[in-house]
Structure formats: C-alpha cells, structure tokens
Amino acid sequence: MSLSEHLIEEIHPIDIVETLAEHHDWDFDRVGEDQIAMAVEGKWRTYSITLAWSGYDQTLRMVASFEMEPPADRLPELYEAINLANDGCWTGAFSYWAAQGLMVYRYGLLAGTQGVTPDQINTLIGAAVAAAERYYPAFQLVAWGNGTPEAALQVAIAEAYGRA
C-alpha cells in the first residue's frame, strides 16, 4: 500500500466532503460526525445535498434533493417520467418523496477497505447535480406543462446532446 493510499484510509470521508465544500464555497452544515448537508447551486435551482458515512458497511450515501409539489392528478405521469429517467441514469436513481414534497436523487458509494478519495466524492456530487439539471426540465414539463413523460424525456435528451 502506498503512503497516499494509507493516508486516505485514515481521513474520515465526511472530513473530505467538508474540505471540498469549503473549496467550492458551498454553504454547508456538519450535521454530525458522519453526516454533512450542503447547498449546491445549479443552472435551474439550488440543490440540497446530504452525504452520510456508514462505518458499518463502509458506504458513503448521498441524497440530492429539490422541492417539488406537483398536482396530485399528475403523479402517475411523474412516476412514469421518473422510471424513464432512471433508465438513463447509470450511477444513481431518482425517487419522489410525496410526503416531504421532494424529488431526490440517491447514490451509495461502497468504499470498502480502500477508503474514499476526494476525486470520487467530487465526481459523485457532480454526477448528482448533472442528473438533476438534466432531468429537472422534464419533470417540470410533466408536472405542470401537462406533457407526456416520453415527450418530456426527449427534452432532457435533446438538452444533453444540443450543446457544443
């Protein structure tokens, strides 16, 4: 094992997240030894991101969320859009928490005995924000624009391919 690998194993993953949050100038709150909550600004909105470390199974869990309270009659279409969006997400998944009025993107990074690196955490947060930014317009179209889930997801796909 190299010295850098040994040092990474000794640094608590939430300490790494806190350092990254300071570096990016994100607002954050160290909720506890094993949990941090922060706000990351995207193009469409600011996302609440919480990361929690589980020493039991050596997993860094992340939940990125934003408020969303669609009309009740649009929930079946929204759930269908979430399923379609999840087909395009390889590393995490969306879910709608109706009781809290939150759209969430969840991911768990299994660290094992190798530890977690700053690059992995930065990529994890970046992927969550990118997924939320990509699918946010589609979820909005379905919930409030009365668009079909299929048509709304085409907007998300066109957005991803439409920039140079």
C-alpha atoms as a PDB file:
ATOM      1  CA  MET A   1       0.000   0.000   0.000  1.00  0.00           C
ATOM      2  CA  SER A   2       1.369   3.410  -0.958  1.00  0.00           C
ATOM      3  CA  LEU A   3       1.659   6.245   1.535  1.00  0.00           C
ATOM      4  CA  SER A   4      -1.113   8.236  -0.191  1.00  0.00           C
ATOM      5  CA  GLU A   5      -3.490   5.243  -0.032  1.00  0.00           C
ATOM      6  CA  HIS A   6      -2.704   4.806   3.653  1.00  0.00           C
ATOM      7  CA  LEU A   7      -3.373   8.495   4.370  1.00  0.00           C
ATOM      8  CA  ILE A   8      -6.703   8.421   2.505  1.00  0.00           C
ATOM      9  CA  GLU A   9      -7.835   5.453   4.614  1.00  0.00           C
ATOM     10  CA  GLU A  10      -7.228   7.498   7.780  1.00  0.00           C
ATOM     11  CA  ILE A  11      -9.190  10.591   6.682  1.00  0.00           C
ATOM     12  CA  HIS A  12     -12.884  10.433   7.538  1.00  0.00           C
ATOM     13  CA  PRO A  13     -14.988  10.697   4.332  1.00  0.00           C
ATOM     14  CA  ILE A  14     -17.141  13.491   5.773  1.00  0.00           C
ATOM     15  CA  ASP A  15     -13.956  15.474   6.518  1.00  0.00           C
ATOM     16  CA  ILE A  16     -13.108  15.144   2.827  1.00  0.00           C
ATOM     17  CA  VAL A  17     -16.598  16.338   1.866  1.00  0.00           C
ATOM     18  CA  GLU A  18     -16.273  19.313   4.215  1.00  0.00           C
ATOM     19  CA  THR A  19     -12.944  20.275   2.631  1.00  0.00           C
ATOM     20  CA  LEU A  20     -14.500  20.028  -0.844  1.00  0.00           C
ATOM     21  CA  ALA A  21     -17.459  22.160   0.246  1.00  0.00           C
ATOM     22  CA  GLU A  22     -15.079  24.823   1.571  1.00  0.00           C
ATOM     23  CA  HIS A  23     -13.035  24.663  -1.641  1.00  0.00           C
ATOM     24  CA  HIS A  24     -16.142  25.135  -3.841  1.00  0.00           C
ATOM     25  CA  ASP A  25     -17.561  27.770  -1.457  1.00  0.00           C
ATOM     26  CA  TRP A  26     -20.765  25.766  -0.945  1.00  0.00           C
ATOM     27  CA  ASP A  27     -22.916  26.523   2.087  1.00  0.00           C
ATOM     28  CA  PHE A  28     -22.746  23.500   4.379  1.00  0.00           C
ATOM     29  CA  ASP A  29     -23.623  22.279   7.834  1.00  0.00           C
ATOM     30  CA  ARG A  30     -21.764  19.463   9.525  1.00  0.00           C
ATOM     31  CA  VAL A  31     -24.811  17.696  10.961  1.00  0.00           C
ATOM     32  CA  GLY A  32     -22.727  15.204  12.900  1.00  0.00           C
ATOM     33  CA  GLU A  33     -19.506  13.256  12.787  1.00  0.00           C
ATOM     34  CA  ASP A  34     -20.864  11.059   9.989  1.00  0.00           C
ATOM     35  CA  GLN A  35     -23.137  13.481   8.116  1.00  0.00           C
ATOM     36  CA  ILE A  36     -22.960  16.772   6.229  1.00  0.00           C
ATOM     37  CA  ALA A  37     -25.631  18.798   4.442  1.00  0.00           C
ATOM     38  CA  MET A  38     -24.889  21.429   1.823  1.00  0.00           C
ATOM     39  CA  ALA A  39     -26.418  23.586  -0.868  1.00  0.00           C
ATOM     40  CA  VAL A  40     -25.043  23.379  -4.402  1.00  0.00           C
ATOM     41  CA  GLU A  41     -26.230  25.883  -6.955  1.00  0.00           C
ATOM     42  CA  GLY A  42     -27.128  24.606 -10.404  1.00  0.00           C
ATOM     43  CA  LYS A  43     -28.429  26.284 -13.527  1.00  0.00           C
ATOM     44  CA  TRP A  44     -32.088  25.547 -12.735  1.00  0.00           C
ATOM     45  CA  ARG A  45     -32.036  25.823  -8.949  1.00  0.00           C
ATOM     46  CA  THR A  46     -30.088  25.183  -5.761  1.00  0.00           C
ATOM     47  CA  TYR A  47     -29.929  21.533  -4.724  1.00  0.00           C
ATOM     48  CA  SER A  48     -29.788  20.273  -1.153  1.00  0.00           C
ATOM     49  CA  ILE A  49     -27.185  17.541  -0.890  1.00  0.00           C
ATOM     50  CA  THR A  50     -26.676  15.363   2.155  1.00  0.00           C
ATOM     51  CA  LEU A  51     -23.877  12.850   2.487  1.00  0.00           C
ATOM     52  CA  ALA A  52     -23.713  10.319   5.297  1.00  0.00           C
ATOM     53  CA  TRP A  53     -20.993   7.830   6.104  1.00  0.00           C
ATOM     54  CA  SER A  54     -21.839   4.375   7.380  1.00  0.00           C
ATOM     55  CA  GLY A  55     -18.843   2.775   9.023  1.00  0.00           C
ATOM     56  CA  TYR A  56     -20.821  -0.452   9.409  1.00  0.00           C
ATOM     57  CA  ASP A  57     -20.871  -1.195   5.673  1.00  0.00           C
ATOM     58  CA  GLN A  58     -18.191   1.315   4.576  1.00  0.00           C
ATOM     59  CA  THR A  59     -20.627   3.217   2.335  1.00  0.00           C
ATOM     60  CA  LEU A  60     -20.928   6.919   1.602  1.00  0.00           C
ATOM     61  CA  ARG A  61     -24.599   7.615   0.922  1.00  0.00           C
ATOM     62  CA  MET A  62     -25.736  10.714  -0.908  1.00  0.00           C
ATOM     63  CA  VAL A  63     -29.174  12.264  -1.344  1.00  0.00           C
ATOM     64  CA  ALA A  64     -29.551  15.296  -3.616  1.00  0.00           C
ATOM     65  CA  SER A  65     -32.990  16.862  -3.459  1.00  0.00           C
ATOM     66  CA  PHE A  66     -35.154  19.751  -4.538  1.00  0.00           C
ATOM     67  CA  GLU A  67     -38.662  20.784  -3.608  1.00  0.00           C
ATOM     68  CA  MET A  68     -41.417  19.718  -5.949  1.00  0.00           C
ATOM     69  CA  GLU A  69     -45.124  19.573  -5.212  1.00  0.00           C
ATOM     70  CA  PRO A  70     -46.895  18.586  -8.426  1.00  0.00           C
ATOM     71  CA  PRO A  71     -50.671  18.436  -8.723  1.00  0.00           C
ATOM     72  CA  ALA A  72     -51.981  15.115  -7.399  1.00  0.00           C
ATOM     73  CA  ASP A  73     -53.597  14.255 -10.727  1.00  0.00           C
ATOM     74  CA  ARG A  74     -50.146  14.416 -12.431  1.00  0.00           C
ATOM     75  CA  LEU A  75     -48.415  11.967 -10.053  1.00  0.00           C
ATOM     76  CA  PRO A  76     -48.913   8.874 -12.250  1.00  0.00           C
ATOM     77  CA  GLU A  77     -47.252  10.668 -15.176  1.00  0.00           C
ATOM     78  CA  LEU A  78     -44.483  11.963 -12.915  1.00  0.00           C
ATOM     79  CA  TYR A  79     -43.762   8.449 -11.651  1.00  0.00           C
ATOM     80  CA  GLU A  80     -43.604   7.235 -15.245  1.00  0.00           C
ATOM     81  CA  ALA A  81     -41.171  10.057 -16.098  1.00  0.00           C
ATOM     82  CA  ILE A  82     -39.023   9.096 -13.103  1.00  0.00           C
ATOM     83  CA  ASN A  83     -38.886   5.491 -14.344  1.00  0.00           C
ATOM     84  CA  LEU A  84     -37.861   6.665 -17.813  1.00  0.00           C
ATOM     85  CA  ALA A  85     -35.232   8.994 -16.346  1.00  0.00           C
ATOM     86  CA  ASN A  86     -33.819   6.184 -14.206  1.00  0.00           C
ATOM     87  CA  ASP A  87     -33.325   4.125 -17.356  1.00  0.00           C
ATOM     88  CA  GLY A  88     -30.856   6.830 -18.429  1.00  0.00           C
ATOM     89  CA  CYS A  89     -29.062   7.066 -15.077  1.00  0.00           C
ATOM     90  CA  TRP A  90     -26.249   4.586 -14.602  1.00  0.00           C
ATOM     91  CA  THR A  91     -24.939   5.617 -11.209  1.00  0.00           C
ATOM     92  CA  GLY A  92     -27.933   6.726  -9.164  1.00  0.00           C
ATOM     93  CA  ALA A  93     -31.700   6.880  -9.199  1.00  0.00           C
ATOM     94  CA  PHE A  94     -34.498   9.404  -8.808  1.00  0.00           C
ATOM     95  CA  SER A  95     -37.388   8.964  -6.437  1.00  0.00           C
ATOM     96  CA  TYR A  96     -40.246  11.220  -5.411  1.00  0.00           C
ATOM     97  CA  TRP A  97     -40.950  11.578  -1.705  1.00  0.00           C
ATOM     98  CA  ALA A  98     -44.543  12.816  -1.780  1.00  0.00           C
ATOM     99  CA  ALA A  99     -44.882  13.258   1.997  1.00  0.00           C
ATOM    100  CA  GLN A 100     -41.926  15.679   2.024  1.00  0.00           C
ATOM    101  CA  GLY A 101     -42.627  17.202  -1.397  1.00  0.00           C
ATOM    102  CA  LEU A 102     -39.099  16.346  -2.566  1.00  0.00           C
ATOM    103  CA  MET A 103     -37.615  14.954  -5.746  1.00  0.00           C
ATOM    104  CA  VAL A 104     -34.479  13.075  -4.715  1.00  0.00           C
ATOM    105  CA  TYR A 105     -31.514  11.556  -6.468  1.00  0.00           C
ATOM    106  CA  ARG A 106     -29.806   8.857  -4.412  1.00  0.00           C
ATOM    107  CA  TYR A 107     -26.499   7.078  -4.717  1.00  0.00           C
ATOM    108  CA  GLY A 108     -24.348   4.940  -2.463  1.00  0.00           C
ATOM    109  CA  LEU A 109     -20.587   4.739  -2.904  1.00  0.00           C
ATOM    110  CA  LEU A 110     -19.233   1.485  -1.495  1.00  0.00           C
ATOM    111  CA  ALA A 111     -15.759   2.319  -0.236  1.00  0.00           C
ATOM    112  CA  GLY A 112     -14.786  -0.943   1.377  1.00  0.00           C
ATOM    113  CA  THR A 113     -11.353  -1.012   2.960  1.00  0.00           C
ATOM    114  CA  GLN A 114      -9.900   1.195   0.200  1.00  0.00           C
ATOM    115  CA  GLY A 115     -11.358   4.404   1.607  1.00  0.00           C
ATOM    116  CA  VAL A 116     -12.890   7.246  -0.368  1.00  0.00           C
ATOM    117  CA  THR A 117     -10.891   9.763  -2.387  1.00  0.00           C
ATOM    118  CA  PRO A 118     -11.642  13.456  -2.936  1.00  0.00           C
ATOM    119  CA  ASP A 119     -11.925  12.774  -6.689  1.00  0.00           C
ATOM    120  CA  GLN A 120     -14.575  10.101  -6.090  1.00  0.00           C
ATOM    121  CA  ILE A 121     -16.605  12.406  -3.876  1.00  0.00           C
ATOM    122  CA  ASN A 122     -16.276  15.328  -6.291  1.00  0.00           C
ATOM    123  CA  THR A 123     -17.415  13.071  -9.141  1.00  0.00           C
ATOM    124  CA  LEU A 124     -20.306  11.763  -7.026  1.00  0.00           C
ATOM    125  CA  ILE A 125     -21.600  15.263  -6.260  1.00  0.00           C
ATOM    126  CA  GLY A 126     -21.008  16.431  -9.834  1.00  0.00           C
ATOM    127  CA  ALA A 127     -22.923  13.469 -11.259  1.00  0.00           C
ATOM    128  CA  ALA A 128     -25.865  14.138  -8.924  1.00  0.00           C
ATOM    129  CA  VAL A 129     -26.086  17.798  -9.898  1.00  0.00           C
ATOM    130  CA  ALA A 130     -25.687  16.934 -13.589  1.00  0.00           C
ATOM    131  CA  ALA A 131     -28.509  14.372 -13.416  1.00  0.00           C
ATOM    132  CA  ALA A 132     -30.785  16.786 -11.546  1.00  0.00           C
ATOM    133  CA  GLU A 133     -30.022  19.554 -14.047  1.00  0.00           C
ATOM    134  CA  ARG A 134     -30.626  17.235 -16.987  1.00  0.00           C
ATOM    135  CA  TYR A 135     -33.996  15.907 -15.817  1.00  0.00           C
ATOM    136  CA  TYR A 136     -35.372  18.910 -13.919  1.00  0.00           C
ATOM    137  CA  PRO A 137     -36.996  20.440 -17.048  1.00  0.00           C
ATOM    138  CA  ALA A 138     -38.573  17.090 -17.959  1.00  0.00           C
ATOM    139  CA  PHE A 139     -40.091  16.667 -14.502  1.00  0.00           C
ATOM    140  CA  GLN A 140     -41.417  20.233 -14.672  1.00  0.00           C
ATOM    141  CA  LEU A 141     -42.989  19.632 -18.097  1.00  0.00           C
ATOM    142  CA  VAL A 142     -44.733  16.516 -16.868  1.00  0.00           C
ATOM    143  CA  ALA A 143     -45.949  18.052 -13.615  1.00  0.00           C
ATOM    144  CA  TRP A 144     -47.066  21.483 -14.760  1.00  0.00           C
ATOM    145  CA  GLY A 145     -46.901  21.545 -18.541  1.00  0.00           C
ATOM    146  CA  ASN A 146     -49.157  18.525 -18.998  1.00  0.00           C
ATOM    147  CA  GLY A 147     -46.507  16.977 -21.232  1.00  0.00           C
ATOM    148  CA  THR A 148     -46.292  13.238 -21.709  1.00  0.00           C
ATOM    149  CA  PRO A 149     -43.395  11.543 -19.942  1.00  0.00           C
ATOM    150  CA  GLU A 150     -41.959  10.385 -23.269  1.00  0.00           C
ATOM    151  CA  ALA A 151     -42.037  13.878 -24.807  1.00  0.00           C
ATOM    152  CA  ALA A 152     -40.625  15.430 -21.637  1.00  0.00           C
ATOM    153  CA  LEU A 153     -37.712  12.991 -21.588  1.00  0.00           C
ATOM    154  CA  GLN A 154     -36.930  13.861 -25.191  1.00  0.00           C
ATOM    155  CA  VAL A 155     -36.353  17.416 -23.962  1.00  0.00           C
ATOM    156  CA  ALA A 156     -33.860  16.096 -21.404  1.00  0.00           C
ATOM    157  CA  ILE A 157     -32.066  14.060 -24.052  1.00  0.00           C
ATOM    158  CA  ALA A 158     -32.047  16.943 -26.564  1.00  0.00           C
ATOM    159  CA  GLU A 159     -30.618  19.226 -23.869  1.00  0.00           C
ATOM    160  CA  ALA A 160     -27.765  16.789 -23.277  1.00  0.00           C
ATOM    161  CA  TYR A 161     -26.908  16.499 -26.952  1.00  0.00           C
ATOM    162  CA  GLY A 162     -27.774  20.040 -28.015  1.00  0.00           C
ATOM    163  CA  ARG A 163     -24.755  21.869 -26.608  1.00  0.00           C
ATOM    164  CA  ALA A 164     -21.376  22.325 -28.171  1.00  0.00           C
END
